Amino acid sequence: EKTLLSVVPATQGRCEAEGRVPEDVNDQLVKAGFYRIVQPRRFGGYEFDVPTFYRVMMEISRGCPETGWVLALTAGHPMLLASFPEQAQVEAYGADGEFRCPASFNPPGEARPVDGGYLISGAWVSASGIDIGTHFIGMAMLPAEEDGASPSPIQMILQRDQFEIVDDWKVMGMQGTGSKQVRAREAFTPIHRTVPVAGGFRGAQAI
């Protein structure tokens, strides 16, 4: 009987050739619940502890480093979502709890204030695993409110239909991570799907 620990090493060549985690391998990861390891039980996850998460990621990575890389970053981001307001979490997990959310923070995009939220535009590079994502977390800068002040950085959540994927990931190593560019143009994001970046502009530079 095939297990993920036998399937993943056997498909590493395909992962590199396709420039992403193969769809059928990802389907098995989804079915087995690997993206729900640290996801809250309230939203259909297992809510295991971080050491358990590390052990699982290391075992998958023994078979295919690229698959392990994508899984670790994507399955770990419920911990990022936990910093967003409750309403944003409820919306992101939805009725079925399917939440796979790659992230990329640099270069930051732009956030233009409008009624109820912001219009987000930007092009974020190296979003590992974005092909299998249901959402995306990025960073954008709010314009300074007064002369001489620095722009204010925020993190925001975009849904899959709010951004496009640009296949610019042509590298010698880790090709299978599919760390492609994400682009958005005036994607409306309500205020509750944003959070300020800790440390302000200096904190944003460190991300």
N, C-alpha and C. Protein backbone atom coordinates (compact mmCIF):
# COMPACT_ATOMS: atom_id res chain seq x y z
N GLU A 1 0.84 -1.19 0.00
CA GLU A 1 0.00 0.00 0.00
C GLU A 1 0.88 1.25 0.00
N LYS A 2 0.57 2.19 -0.87
CA LYS A 2 1.35 3.41 -0.97
C LYS A 2 0.99 4.37 0.17
N THR A 3 1.99 4.99 0.73
CA THR A 3 1.80 6.04 1.72
C THR A 3 2.45 7.31 1.20
N LEU A 4 2.15 8.44 1.85
CA LEU A 4 2.75 9.70 1.43
C LEU A 4 4.26 9.66 1.53
N LEU A 5 4.79 8.93 2.51
CA LEU A 5 6.24 8.84 2.66
C LEU A 5 6.90 8.08 1.53
N SER A 6 6.11 7.29 0.79
CA SER A 6 6.66 6.62 -0.39
C SER A 6 6.32 7.37 -1.68
N VAL A 7 5.18 8.05 -1.69
CA VAL A 7 4.74 8.77 -2.88
C VAL A 7 5.59 10.02 -3.11
N VAL A 8 5.86 10.78 -2.05
CA VAL A 8 6.57 12.06 -2.19
C VAL A 8 7.96 11.91 -2.81
N PRO A 9 8.81 10.97 -2.34
CA PRO A 9 10.12 10.83 -2.99
C PRO A 9 10.02 10.41 -4.45
N ALA A 10 9.03 9.59 -4.76
CA ALA A 10 8.88 9.09 -6.12
C ALA A 10 8.45 10.17 -7.10
N THR A 11 7.88 11.25 -6.58
CA THR A 11 7.39 12.31 -7.47
C THR A 11 8.26 13.57 -7.43
N GLN A 12 9.43 13.48 -6.79
CA GLN A 12 10.28 14.67 -6.70
C GLN A 12 10.71 15.17 -8.07
N GLY A 13 11.00 14.24 -8.99
CA GLY A 13 11.38 14.65 -10.34
C GLY A 13 10.27 15.41 -11.03
N ARG A 14 9.04 14.96 -10.87
CA ARG A 14 7.90 15.67 -11.46
C ARG A 14 7.75 17.05 -10.83
N CYS A 15 7.96 17.12 -9.53
CA CYS A 15 7.85 18.40 -8.82
C CYS A 15 8.80 19.42 -9.43
N GLU A 16 10.04 19.01 -9.68
CA GLU A 16 11.02 19.93 -10.26
C GLU A 16 10.68 20.25 -11.71
N ALA A 17 10.23 19.25 -12.46
CA ALA A 17 9.91 19.46 -13.88
C ALA A 17 8.71 20.38 -14.06
N GLU A 18 7.71 20.23 -13.19
CA GLU A 18 6.49 21.02 -13.31
C GLU A 18 6.63 22.39 -12.66
N GLY A 19 7.68 22.57 -11.86
CA GLY A 19 7.87 23.86 -11.20
C GLY A 19 6.85 24.14 -10.12
N ARG A 20 6.36 23.08 -9.48
CA ARG A 20 5.35 23.21 -8.42
C ARG A 20 5.11 21.82 -7.82
N VAL A 21 4.44 21.78 -6.70
CA VAL A 21 4.02 20.49 -6.15
C VAL A 21 2.95 19.93 -7.07
N PRO A 22 3.13 18.71 -7.59
CA PRO A 22 2.14 18.15 -8.52
C PRO A 22 0.73 18.13 -7.92
N GLU A 23 -0.24 18.36 -8.78
CA GLU A 23 -1.63 18.46 -8.33
C GLU A 23 -2.08 17.22 -7.57
N ASP A 24 -1.73 16.03 -8.08
CA ASP A 24 -2.19 14.81 -7.42
C ASP A 24 -1.52 14.61 -6.06
N VAL A 25 -0.26 15.03 -5.93
CA VAL A 25 0.42 14.96 -4.63
C VAL A 25 -0.23 15.93 -3.65
N ASN A 26 -0.51 17.13 -4.12
CA ASN A 26 -1.17 18.10 -3.25
C ASN A 26 -2.55 17.62 -2.82
N ASP A 27 -3.27 16.96 -3.75
CA ASP A 27 -4.59 16.42 -3.40
C ASP A 27 -4.48 15.43 -2.24
N GLN A 28 -3.42 14.64 -2.25
CA GLN A 28 -3.22 13.68 -1.16
C GLN A 28 -2.86 14.38 0.15
N LEU A 29 -2.07 15.45 0.05
CA LEU A 29 -1.75 16.22 1.25
C LEU A 29 -3.01 16.85 1.84
N VAL A 30 -3.88 17.35 0.97
CA VAL A 30 -5.14 17.94 1.42
C VAL A 30 -6.02 16.87 2.07
N LYS A 31 -6.17 15.74 1.39
CA LYS A 31 -7.03 14.67 1.88
C LYS A 31 -6.56 14.13 3.23
N ALA A 32 -5.25 14.06 3.39
CA ALA A 32 -4.68 13.54 4.64
C ALA A 32 -4.70 14.57 5.77
N GLY A 33 -5.05 15.80 5.47
CA GLY A 33 -5.17 16.83 6.50
C GLY A 33 -3.87 17.50 6.90
N PHE A 34 -2.85 17.42 6.05
CA PHE A 34 -1.56 17.99 6.42
C PHE A 34 -1.59 19.51 6.51
N TYR A 35 -2.52 20.16 5.82
CA TYR A 35 -2.61 21.61 5.90
C TYR A 35 -3.36 22.08 7.15
N ARG A 36 -3.89 21.14 7.92
CA ARG A 36 -4.71 21.49 9.08
C ARG A 36 -4.01 21.21 10.41
N ILE A 37 -2.73 20.95 10.38
CA ILE A 37 -2.02 20.53 11.58
C ILE A 37 -2.11 21.57 12.70
N VAL A 38 -1.84 22.84 12.40
CA VAL A 38 -1.92 23.88 13.44
C VAL A 38 -3.18 24.74 13.27
N GLN A 39 -4.06 24.35 12.38
CA GLN A 39 -5.32 25.07 12.18
C GLN A 39 -6.22 24.86 13.40
N PRO A 40 -6.89 25.90 13.88
CA PRO A 40 -7.75 25.75 15.07
C PRO A 40 -8.85 24.71 14.86
N ARG A 41 -9.14 23.96 15.93
CA ARG A 41 -10.23 22.97 15.85
C ARG A 41 -11.56 23.64 15.51
N ARG A 42 -11.73 24.85 15.99
CA ARG A 42 -12.97 25.58 15.70
C ARG A 42 -13.23 25.69 14.20
N PHE A 43 -12.14 25.73 13.42
CA PHE A 43 -12.26 25.90 11.97
C PHE A 43 -11.90 24.64 11.20
N GLY A 44 -12.07 23.49 11.86
CA GLY A 44 -11.87 22.23 11.16
C GLY A 44 -10.45 21.69 11.18
N GLY A 45 -9.58 22.28 12.00
CA GLY A 45 -8.20 21.82 12.07
C GLY A 45 -7.96 20.86 13.21
N TYR A 46 -6.70 20.44 13.35
CA TYR A 46 -6.32 19.51 14.41
C TYR A 46 -5.76 20.23 15.64
N GLU A 47 -5.28 21.46 15.45
CA GLU A 47 -4.74 22.27 16.54
C GLU A 47 -3.64 21.55 17.31
N PHE A 48 -2.76 20.86 16.57
CA PHE A 48 -1.62 20.22 17.20
C PHE A 48 -0.59 21.29 17.62
N ASP A 49 0.37 20.88 18.44
CA ASP A 49 1.38 21.84 18.89
C ASP A 49 2.47 22.01 17.83
N VAL A 50 3.30 23.03 18.02
CA VAL A 50 4.33 23.37 17.04
C VAL A 50 5.38 22.27 16.90
N PRO A 51 5.85 21.63 17.99
CA PRO A 51 6.80 20.53 17.81
C PRO A 51 6.27 19.41 16.92
N THR A 52 4.99 19.09 17.04
CA THR A 52 4.39 18.08 16.15
C THR A 52 4.43 18.55 14.71
N PHE A 53 4.12 19.82 14.49
CA PHE A 53 4.18 20.40 13.15
C PHE A 53 5.58 20.25 12.57
N TYR A 54 6.60 20.58 13.36
CA TYR A 54 7.99 20.46 12.89
C TYR A 54 8.34 19.03 12.50
N ARG A 55 7.93 18.08 13.32
CA ARG A 55 8.27 16.69 13.04
C ARG A 55 7.65 16.21 11.73
N VAL A 56 6.41 16.59 11.49
CA VAL A 56 5.74 16.20 10.25
C VAL A 56 6.43 16.83 9.05
N MET A 57 6.77 18.10 9.15
CA MET A 57 7.42 18.79 8.03
C MET A 57 8.79 18.18 7.72
N MET A 58 9.51 17.79 8.75
CA MET A 58 10.83 17.19 8.53
C MET A 58 10.71 15.84 7.83
N GLU A 59 9.70 15.07 8.18
CA GLU A 59 9.54 13.76 7.55
C GLU A 59 9.18 13.91 6.07
N ILE A 60 8.27 14.82 5.75
CA ILE A 60 7.91 15.06 4.35
C ILE A 60 9.13 15.57 3.58
N SER A 61 9.92 16.43 4.20
CA SER A 61 11.09 17.01 3.53
C SER A 61 12.18 15.99 3.26
N ARG A 62 12.22 14.92 4.05
CA ARG A 62 13.19 13.86 3.77
C ARG A 62 12.94 13.25 2.40
N GLY A 63 11.68 13.18 2.00
CA GLY A 63 11.32 12.61 0.71
C GLY A 63 11.47 13.59 -0.44
N CYS A 64 11.07 14.84 -0.20
CA CYS A 64 11.17 15.87 -1.24
C CYS A 64 11.28 17.23 -0.56
N PRO A 65 12.46 17.84 -0.59
CA PRO A 65 12.64 19.14 0.08
C PRO A 65 11.69 20.22 -0.42
N GLU A 66 11.39 20.19 -1.73
CA GLU A 66 10.50 21.23 -2.27
C GLU A 66 9.08 21.08 -1.76
N THR A 67 8.59 19.84 -1.72
CA THR A 67 7.25 19.61 -1.18
C THR A 67 7.21 19.98 0.29
N GLY A 68 8.25 19.63 1.03
CA GLY A 68 8.32 19.98 2.44
C GLY A 68 8.35 21.48 2.66
N TRP A 69 9.08 22.17 1.80
CA TRP A 69 9.18 23.65 1.87
C TRP A 69 7.80 24.28 1.69
N VAL A 70 7.12 23.88 0.63
CA VAL A 70 5.79 24.44 0.34
C VAL A 70 4.81 24.10 1.45
N LEU A 71 4.81 22.86 1.88
CA LEU A 71 3.87 22.44 2.92
C LEU A 71 4.13 23.18 4.22
N ALA A 72 5.40 23.30 4.61
CA ALA A 72 5.72 23.96 5.88
C ALA A 72 5.28 25.41 5.89
N LEU A 73 5.57 26.14 4.80
CA LEU A 73 5.21 27.55 4.75
C LEU A 73 3.69 27.73 4.67
N THR A 74 3.05 26.93 3.84
CA THR A 74 1.61 27.11 3.63
C THR A 74 0.80 26.60 4.82
N ALA A 75 1.13 25.41 5.31
CA ALA A 75 0.39 24.84 6.44
C ALA A 75 0.68 25.57 7.74
N GLY A 76 1.78 26.32 7.79
CA GLY A 76 2.10 27.07 9.00
C GLY A 76 1.42 28.41 9.10
N HIS A 77 0.80 28.88 8.03
CA HIS A 77 0.27 30.24 8.02
C HIS A 77 -1.06 30.45 8.73
N PRO A 78 -1.74 29.39 9.21
CA PRO A 78 -2.82 29.69 10.17
C PRO A 78 -2.31 30.46 11.39
N MET A 79 -1.01 30.34 11.68
CA MET A 79 -0.44 31.12 12.80
C MET A 79 -0.36 32.60 12.44
N LEU A 80 -0.20 32.91 11.15
CA LEU A 80 -0.28 34.32 10.72
C LEU A 80 -1.73 34.80 10.75
N LEU A 81 -2.63 33.96 10.28
CA LEU A 81 -4.04 34.35 10.24
C LEU A 81 -4.58 34.63 11.64
N ALA A 82 -4.00 33.99 12.66
CA ALA A 82 -4.46 34.18 14.03
C ALA A 82 -4.33 35.62 14.51
N SER A 83 -3.48 36.42 13.84
CA SER A 83 -3.31 37.82 14.24
C SER A 83 -4.37 38.74 13.63
N PHE A 84 -5.18 38.20 12.73
CA PHE A 84 -6.23 39.00 12.09
C PHE A 84 -7.51 38.95 12.92
N PRO A 85 -8.40 39.92 12.73
CA PRO A 85 -9.67 39.90 13.47
C PRO A 85 -10.46 38.61 13.25
N GLU A 86 -11.30 38.29 14.20
CA GLU A 86 -12.08 37.05 14.13
C GLU A 86 -12.90 36.96 12.85
N GLN A 87 -13.50 38.05 12.42
CA GLN A 87 -14.31 38.03 11.20
C GLN A 87 -13.49 37.59 10.00
N ALA A 88 -12.25 38.07 9.91
CA ALA A 88 -11.38 37.68 8.80
C ALA A 88 -11.08 36.19 8.85
N GLN A 89 -10.88 35.64 10.04
CA GLN A 89 -10.60 34.22 10.18
C GLN A 89 -11.81 33.37 9.77
N VAL A 90 -12.98 33.79 10.20
CA VAL A 90 -14.22 33.06 9.84
C VAL A 90 -14.39 33.04 8.33
N GLU A 91 -14.16 34.17 7.68
CA GLU A 91 -14.31 34.25 6.24
C GLU A 91 -13.25 33.44 5.51
N ALA A 92 -12.02 33.48 6.00
CA ALA A 92 -10.93 32.77 5.32
C ALA A 92 -11.10 31.27 5.39
N TYR A 93 -11.48 30.74 6.54
CA TYR A 93 -11.66 29.30 6.66
C TYR A 93 -12.95 28.81 5.99
N GLY A 94 -13.94 29.67 5.96
CA GLY A 94 -15.19 29.32 5.28
C GLY A 94 -15.90 28.14 5.93
N ALA A 95 -16.84 27.57 5.19
CA ALA A 95 -17.64 26.47 5.73
C ALA A 95 -16.88 25.17 5.78
N ASP A 96 -15.87 24.99 4.90
CA ASP A 96 -15.17 23.71 4.82
C ASP A 96 -13.78 23.71 5.45
N GLY A 97 -13.31 24.85 5.91
CA GLY A 97 -12.02 24.91 6.58
C GLY A 97 -10.82 24.80 5.65
N GLU A 98 -11.04 24.89 4.34
CA GLU A 98 -9.92 24.80 3.40
C GLU A 98 -9.19 26.14 3.34
N PHE A 99 -7.98 26.16 3.87
CA PHE A 99 -7.20 27.39 3.92
C PHE A 99 -5.74 27.05 3.64
N ARG A 100 -5.28 27.42 2.46
CA ARG A 100 -3.88 27.23 2.09
C ARG A 100 -3.39 28.59 1.60
N CYS A 101 -2.51 29.19 2.40
CA CYS A 101 -2.23 30.61 2.20
C CYS A 101 -0.74 30.94 2.14
N PRO A 102 -0.13 30.85 0.96
CA PRO A 102 1.24 31.34 0.80
C PRO A 102 1.32 32.84 1.15
N ALA A 103 2.53 33.30 1.38
CA ALA A 103 2.72 34.71 1.75
C ALA A 103 3.99 35.25 1.10
N SER A 104 4.01 36.54 0.88
CA SER A 104 5.19 37.25 0.40
C SER A 104 5.02 38.71 0.78
N PHE A 105 6.08 39.32 1.28
CA PHE A 105 5.93 40.67 1.83
C PHE A 105 6.71 41.75 1.09
N ASN A 106 7.65 41.36 0.27
CA ASN A 106 8.48 42.35 -0.43
C ASN A 106 8.52 42.07 -1.92
N PRO A 107 8.55 43.13 -2.75
CA PRO A 107 8.40 44.53 -2.33
C PRO A 107 6.96 44.80 -1.92
N PRO A 108 6.74 45.68 -0.96
CA PRO A 108 5.37 45.93 -0.52
C PRO A 108 4.52 46.58 -1.60
N GLY A 109 3.24 46.29 -1.56
CA GLY A 109 2.31 46.91 -2.49
C GLY A 109 1.81 48.24 -1.95
N GLU A 110 0.77 48.76 -2.56
CA GLU A 110 0.16 50.01 -2.15
C GLU A 110 -1.27 49.75 -1.68
N ALA A 111 -1.68 50.45 -0.64
CA ALA A 111 -3.04 50.34 -0.11
C ALA A 111 -3.68 51.72 -0.17
N ARG A 112 -4.69 51.86 -1.01
CA ARG A 112 -5.38 53.15 -1.14
C ARG A 112 -6.68 53.11 -0.35
N PRO A 113 -6.82 53.97 0.66
CA PRO A 113 -8.03 53.94 1.49
C PRO A 113 -9.27 54.30 0.69
N VAL A 114 -10.33 53.52 0.89
CA VAL A 114 -11.66 53.78 0.34
C VAL A 114 -12.66 53.45 1.43
N ASP A 115 -13.93 53.71 1.18
CA ASP A 115 -14.95 53.42 2.18
C ASP A 115 -14.93 51.93 2.55
N GLY A 116 -14.73 51.65 3.82
CA GLY A 116 -14.81 50.28 4.32
C GLY A 116 -13.54 49.46 4.21
N GLY A 117 -12.50 50.03 3.58
CA GLY A 117 -11.29 49.23 3.44
C GLY A 117 -10.25 49.89 2.56
N TYR A 118 -9.59 49.07 1.74
CA TYR A 118 -8.50 49.56 0.90
C TYR A 118 -8.54 48.89 -0.47
N LEU A 119 -8.01 49.60 -1.46
CA LEU A 119 -7.75 49.02 -2.76
C LEU A 119 -6.27 48.66 -2.80
N ILE A 120 -5.99 47.37 -2.94
CA ILE A 120 -4.62 46.86 -2.86
C ILE A 120 -4.08 46.62 -4.26
N SER A 121 -2.91 47.17 -4.52
CA SER A 121 -2.20 46.91 -5.79
C SER A 121 -0.75 46.59 -5.48
N GLY A 122 -0.18 45.66 -6.25
CA GLY A 122 1.22 45.33 -6.02
C GLY A 122 1.66 44.11 -6.80
N ALA A 123 2.94 43.82 -6.71
CA ALA A 123 3.54 42.64 -7.34
C ALA A 123 4.55 42.07 -6.36
N TRP A 124 4.18 41.00 -5.70
CA TRP A 124 5.01 40.40 -4.64
C TRP A 124 5.74 39.19 -5.21
N VAL A 125 7.01 39.08 -4.92
CA VAL A 125 7.83 38.02 -5.52
C VAL A 125 7.97 36.82 -4.57
N SER A 126 8.28 35.68 -5.18
CA SER A 126 8.67 34.46 -4.46
C SER A 126 7.62 33.98 -3.45
N ALA A 127 6.38 33.84 -3.91
CA ALA A 127 5.32 33.31 -3.07
C ALA A 127 5.30 31.78 -3.20
N SER A 128 6.06 31.11 -2.35
CA SER A 128 6.21 29.66 -2.45
C SER A 128 4.87 28.93 -2.31
N GLY A 129 4.58 28.06 -3.28
CA GLY A 129 3.37 27.25 -3.23
C GLY A 129 2.10 27.96 -3.66
N ILE A 130 2.23 29.10 -4.32
CA ILE A 130 1.04 29.89 -4.64
C ILE A 130 0.08 29.13 -5.56
N ASP A 131 0.59 28.18 -6.36
CA ASP A 131 -0.31 27.43 -7.25
C ASP A 131 -1.36 26.64 -6.50
N ILE A 132 -1.06 26.24 -5.27
CA ILE A 132 -2.02 25.43 -4.52
C ILE A 132 -2.76 26.27 -3.48
N GLY A 133 -2.59 27.59 -3.53
CA GLY A 133 -3.17 28.46 -2.51
C GLY A 133 -4.64 28.76 -2.73
N THR A 134 -5.35 28.92 -1.63
CA THR A 134 -6.73 29.42 -1.65
C THR A 134 -6.76 30.90 -1.34
N HIS A 135 -5.70 31.41 -0.69
CA HIS A 135 -5.58 32.80 -0.30
C HIS A 135 -4.12 33.23 -0.43
N PHE A 136 -3.88 34.50 -0.17
CA PHE A 136 -2.52 35.05 -0.17
C PHE A 136 -2.43 36.13 0.89
N ILE A 137 -1.35 36.12 1.66
CA ILE A 137 -1.08 37.19 2.61
C ILE A 137 0.11 37.99 2.10
N GLY A 138 -0.06 39.28 2.01
CA GLY A 138 1.01 40.16 1.55
C GLY A 138 1.09 41.40 2.41
N MET A 139 1.97 42.30 2.01
CA MET A 139 2.14 43.55 2.73
C MET A 139 1.95 44.71 1.77
N ALA A 140 1.35 45.78 2.27
CA ALA A 140 1.15 46.99 1.48
C ALA A 140 1.35 48.20 2.37
N MET A 141 1.62 49.33 1.74
CA MET A 141 1.90 50.55 2.48
C MET A 141 0.74 51.53 2.34
N LEU A 142 0.25 52.02 3.47
CA LEU A 142 -0.72 53.10 3.47
C LEU A 142 0.00 54.43 3.30
N PRO A 143 -0.58 55.37 2.57
CA PRO A 143 0.08 56.67 2.40
C PRO A 143 0.21 57.39 3.74
N ALA A 144 1.27 58.21 3.85
CA ALA A 144 1.48 58.98 5.08
C ALA A 144 0.32 59.94 5.30
N GLU A 145 -0.12 60.07 6.54
CA GLU A 145 -1.25 60.92 6.85
C GLU A 145 -0.87 62.40 6.96
N GLU A 146 0.45 62.67 7.10
CA GLU A 146 0.89 64.06 7.21
C GLU A 146 2.26 64.19 6.56
N ASP A 147 2.60 65.40 6.18
CA ASP A 147 3.88 65.64 5.52
C ASP A 147 5.05 65.23 6.41
N GLY A 148 6.00 64.54 5.81
CA GLY A 148 7.19 64.14 6.55
C GLY A 148 7.06 62.83 7.28
N ALA A 149 5.85 62.29 7.38
CA ALA A 149 5.65 61.02 8.08
C ALA A 149 5.95 59.86 7.14
N SER A 150 6.28 58.71 7.72
CA SER A 150 6.54 57.52 6.92
C SER A 150 5.22 56.82 6.57
N PRO A 151 5.16 56.14 5.43
CA PRO A 151 3.98 55.33 5.12
C PRO A 151 3.79 54.25 6.20
N SER A 152 2.57 53.82 6.38
CA SER A 152 2.26 52.82 7.40
C SER A 152 2.07 51.46 6.74
N PRO A 153 2.80 50.43 7.16
CA PRO A 153 2.66 49.10 6.56
C PRO A 153 1.52 48.30 7.18
N ILE A 154 0.83 47.55 6.35
CA ILE A 154 -0.20 46.63 6.82
C ILE A 154 0.00 45.28 6.14
N GLN A 155 -0.48 44.24 6.78
CA GLN A 155 -0.61 42.94 6.13
C GLN A 155 -2.07 42.76 5.75
N MET A 156 -2.30 42.06 4.64
CA MET A 156 -3.68 41.89 4.20
C MET A 156 -3.85 40.48 3.63
N ILE A 157 -5.09 40.05 3.60
CA ILE A 157 -5.45 38.75 3.03
C ILE A 157 -6.21 38.98 1.73
N LEU A 158 -5.75 38.32 0.66
CA LEU A 158 -6.47 38.35 -0.61
C LEU A 158 -7.01 36.97 -0.93
N GLN A 159 -8.19 36.92 -1.50
CA GLN A 159 -8.76 35.66 -1.97
C GLN A 159 -8.17 35.30 -3.33
N ARG A 160 -8.30 34.03 -3.70
CA ARG A 160 -7.68 33.55 -4.93
C ARG A 160 -8.16 34.32 -6.16
N ASP A 161 -9.41 34.75 -6.18
CA ASP A 161 -9.92 35.45 -7.36
C ASP A 161 -9.51 36.92 -7.40
N GLN A 162 -8.71 37.36 -6.43
CA GLN A 162 -8.28 38.76 -6.38
C GLN A 162 -6.87 38.98 -6.88
N PHE A 163 -6.17 37.93 -7.26
CA PHE A 163 -4.79 38.10 -7.73
C PHE A 163 -4.50 37.13 -8.86
N GLU A 164 -3.46 37.45 -9.61
CA GLU A 164 -2.98 36.57 -10.67
C GLU A 164 -1.59 36.07 -10.33
N ILE A 165 -1.24 34.92 -10.90
CA ILE A 165 0.06 34.32 -10.68
C ILE A 165 0.92 34.51 -11.92
N VAL A 166 2.12 35.03 -11.74
CA VAL A 166 3.05 35.25 -12.84
C VAL A 166 4.17 34.22 -12.71
N ASP A 167 4.31 33.36 -13.70
CA ASP A 167 5.29 32.28 -13.64
C ASP A 167 6.68 32.81 -14.01
N ASP A 168 7.35 33.39 -13.01
CA ASP A 168 8.69 33.94 -13.22
C ASP A 168 9.74 33.18 -12.42
N TRP A 169 9.39 32.01 -11.91
CA TRP A 169 10.30 31.26 -11.03
C TRP A 169 11.16 30.33 -11.87
N LYS A 170 12.26 30.84 -12.39
CA LYS A 170 13.19 30.08 -13.22
C LYS A 170 14.56 30.10 -12.55
N VAL A 171 14.81 29.11 -11.72
CA VAL A 171 16.03 29.08 -10.91
C VAL A 171 16.70 27.71 -11.03
N MET A 172 17.91 27.60 -10.50
CA MET A 172 18.66 26.35 -10.58
C MET A 172 18.23 25.36 -9.49
N GLY A 173 17.92 25.86 -8.30
CA GLY A 173 17.56 24.99 -7.20
C GLY A 173 16.17 25.30 -6.68
N MET A 174 15.55 24.33 -6.05
CA MET A 174 14.21 24.49 -5.47
C MET A 174 13.16 24.94 -6.50
N GLN A 175 13.34 24.50 -7.73
CA GLN A 175 12.39 24.84 -8.79
C GLN A 175 10.98 24.39 -8.44
N GLY A 176 10.89 23.24 -7.75
CA GLY A 176 9.59 22.67 -7.45
C GLY A 176 8.78 23.41 -6.41
N THR A 177 9.37 24.45 -5.78
CA THR A 177 8.59 25.21 -4.80
C THR A 177 7.57 26.12 -5.47
N GLY A 178 7.75 26.36 -6.78
CA GLY A 178 6.80 27.21 -7.48
C GLY A 178 6.66 28.59 -6.85
N SER A 179 7.80 29.18 -6.47
CA SER A 179 7.77 30.46 -5.75
C SER A 179 7.60 31.62 -6.73
N LYS A 180 6.41 31.75 -7.23
CA LYS A 180 6.11 32.68 -8.31
C LYS A 180 5.63 34.04 -7.80
N GLN A 181 5.52 34.96 -8.74
CA GLN A 181 5.08 36.32 -8.40
C GLN A 181 3.55 36.38 -8.31
N VAL A 182 3.09 37.19 -7.39
CA VAL A 182 1.65 37.44 -7.22
C VAL A 182 1.38 38.90 -7.56
N ARG A 183 0.38 39.13 -8.40
CA ARG A 183 0.03 40.50 -8.78
C ARG A 183 -1.45 40.77 -8.48
N ALA A 184 -1.68 41.97 -7.99
CA ALA A 184 -3.06 42.41 -7.74
C ALA A 184 -3.20 43.85 -8.19
N ARG A 185 -4.39 44.17 -8.68
CA ARG A 185 -4.65 45.54 -9.13
C ARG A 185 -5.97 46.01 -8.56
N GLU A 186 -5.89 46.95 -7.62
CA GLU A 186 -7.06 47.54 -6.97
C GLU A 186 -8.02 46.46 -6.46
N ALA A 187 -7.46 45.51 -5.73
CA ALA A 187 -8.28 44.45 -5.12
C ALA A 187 -8.86 44.98 -3.81
N PHE A 188 -10.17 45.07 -3.74
CA PHE A 188 -10.79 45.63 -2.53
C PHE A 188 -10.62 44.66 -1.36
N THR A 189 -10.10 45.19 -0.27
CA THR A 189 -9.88 44.42 0.94
C THR A 189 -10.51 45.16 2.11
N PRO A 190 -11.54 44.58 2.75
CA PRO A 190 -12.16 45.27 3.89
C PRO A 190 -11.17 45.42 5.04
N ILE A 191 -11.42 46.40 5.87
CA ILE A 191 -10.50 46.71 6.96
C ILE A 191 -10.24 45.50 7.85
N HIS A 192 -11.27 44.67 8.07
CA HIS A 192 -11.07 43.54 8.99
C HIS A 192 -10.17 42.45 8.41
N ARG A 193 -9.84 42.53 7.14
CA ARG A 193 -8.88 41.58 6.55
C ARG A 193 -7.48 42.17 6.49
N THR A 194 -7.22 43.16 7.30
CA THR A 194 -5.89 43.78 7.38
C THR A 194 -5.48 43.90 8.84
N VAL A 195 -4.17 43.94 9.06
CA VAL A 195 -3.62 44.21 10.39
C VAL A 195 -2.39 45.09 10.21
N PRO A 196 -2.11 46.00 11.14
CA PRO A 196 -0.88 46.80 11.06
C PRO A 196 0.32 45.92 11.33
N VAL A 197 1.45 46.26 10.72
CA VAL A 197 2.68 45.51 10.93
C VAL A 197 3.34 46.00 12.22
N ALA A 198 3.65 45.05 13.10
CA ALA A 198 4.29 45.40 14.36
C ALA A 198 5.63 46.09 14.09
N GLY A 199 5.86 47.19 14.77
CA GLY A 199 7.11 47.92 14.59
C GLY A 199 7.04 48.98 13.51
N GLY A 200 5.86 49.12 12.87
CA GLY A 200 5.69 50.16 11.87
C GLY A 200 6.61 49.97 10.67
N PHE A 201 7.13 51.08 10.14
CA PHE A 201 7.93 51.02 8.93
C PHE A 201 9.21 50.21 9.15
N ARG A 202 9.84 50.32 10.31
CA ARG A 202 11.05 49.55 10.59
C ARG A 202 10.73 48.06 10.64
N GLY A 203 9.59 47.74 11.22
CA GLY A 203 9.18 46.35 11.27
C GLY A 203 8.93 45.80 9.88
N ALA A 204 8.38 46.62 9.01
CA ALA A 204 8.11 46.20 7.64
C ALA A 204 9.42 45.93 6.88
N GLN A 205 10.43 46.74 7.13
CA GLN A 205 11.71 46.54 6.46
C GLN A 205 12.36 45.24 6.85
N ALA A 206 12.04 44.73 8.04
CA ALA A 206 12.65 43.51 8.53
C ALA A 206 11.96 42.26 8.00
N ILE A 207 10.76 42.42 7.45
CA ILE A 207 10.00 41.25 6.97
C ILE A 207 10.61 40.75 5.67
